[in-house]
Every structure is written in C-alpha cells, then in structure tokens.
Amino acid sequence: MHTYIYMVRHGESPKDGNERTRGLTEKGKLDSCRITELLQGEGIGVFVSSPYQRAILTIEELAQRSGQKVIVFEDLKERIFINGNERISDEELFPLLNKSYSNPDFALPGGESNSLCQHRAIKVLNKLLKEYKGQKIALGTHGAVMALMMEYYDDKYDLNFLLNTSKPDVYKMEFNDQTLVDVTRLWST
C-alpha cells in the first residue's frame, strides 16, 4: 500500500517582514492558483503545513476545494537560521547554506543546524506516513526544510538540489511504508 507526499514549496513571498506572518506576493497568489489546478485531480485527501502563512496560503485553496482544512505542524517550519522571526537576507543565506551542508551540525547562535531541522521535520513526516498510510498528503513547506526531508531518504537531494528548486515547486514522493520508492517533480515554470 503506497502513500504519497506532495511536497509543495510555497510561492513567492515579500522579502521583508516576519518569517511567520509573511504572506504571498501577487505572483505567489497566482502561482498558488496554478498549484490548485495542477493538483486538483490527484485525489489528495490530507493537507498539512508549516505554521508560516506563506506555506499555508499556497495549499489552502486546494484544501478548501477538497472540503478539508490545513493541519498545521510547528515542526514543519522552515529551518531557523537566526534567532527570532526576521528573514535572513539572500546575501547572508547562501554562505550559511554552504557551511551547513559541509557541516550538518553547524548553526549560528540562536539558530538550528541542518541535523536538528531534519530530525524534527522527519519525526512529523514519519508520523504522517503511519497515520495516513495509503493516502495522498499535500505538505505546505519551504525550500531548506523540504530539501532536508527529501535528503533523509536520498542524499541526491543536497544543496545543489535546493539551489535549483523554484518558488513554488511541487515534488510527488511515493512511499512503500517508510521507504521512498520514487520522486517526480510536478511543477514546471
């Protein structure tokens, strides 16, 4: 009995503001409509998300059309790069990602490492795979935590993979129990 996890990376969001409350730009809103159209025929029955607004908003319309609510899991949030809820700039982020993938236990003061982020997110993913075995689950997510969850099952989902994803992006992961069988990218820009 196979279970499917649809990793839905959020659409474009404003560059300024609080990590938790930043929504979507106009392009992000349009792309979330495209995601709804793309996934509407997939038969997804469970919708879970990071607690961050941009992730919830990206899958919310799809959940509503399916007559479901989005279930929020705190441990699916984006990797905490710095202390607090402010966004880290791209200029600061890229060197940090390089260091983090070279040393998975590296973290800035007040932040978390790749290892810690992956551990907390995989606990939720394993719970979902058990609780919703044989079902299709849409997971509203973010780039770094998505790549770390995928890397847990296959190390080809590394920094290079992360840097080549888009906002939004969609990956259909097929599992046989807890074993990853296949991954298909569904989003095209």
Foldseek 3Di string as FASTA:
>chain_A
DKEKEKEKEFFDWDQWDFQQETAHDPRRLVVLVVVLVLCLPVQADAAEEANRHRLLSSCQVNQVVNVHGYHYDPLQADFFQAAGGTDDDPVVPPVSQVVLLVPQQDGDVNTGGLVVSLVSNVVVVLVCCVVVPPHYYYYRHHLSSVLSVVCVQPVVSGPVVSVPQHRTWIKMWMDDRPHTDDIDTRDDD
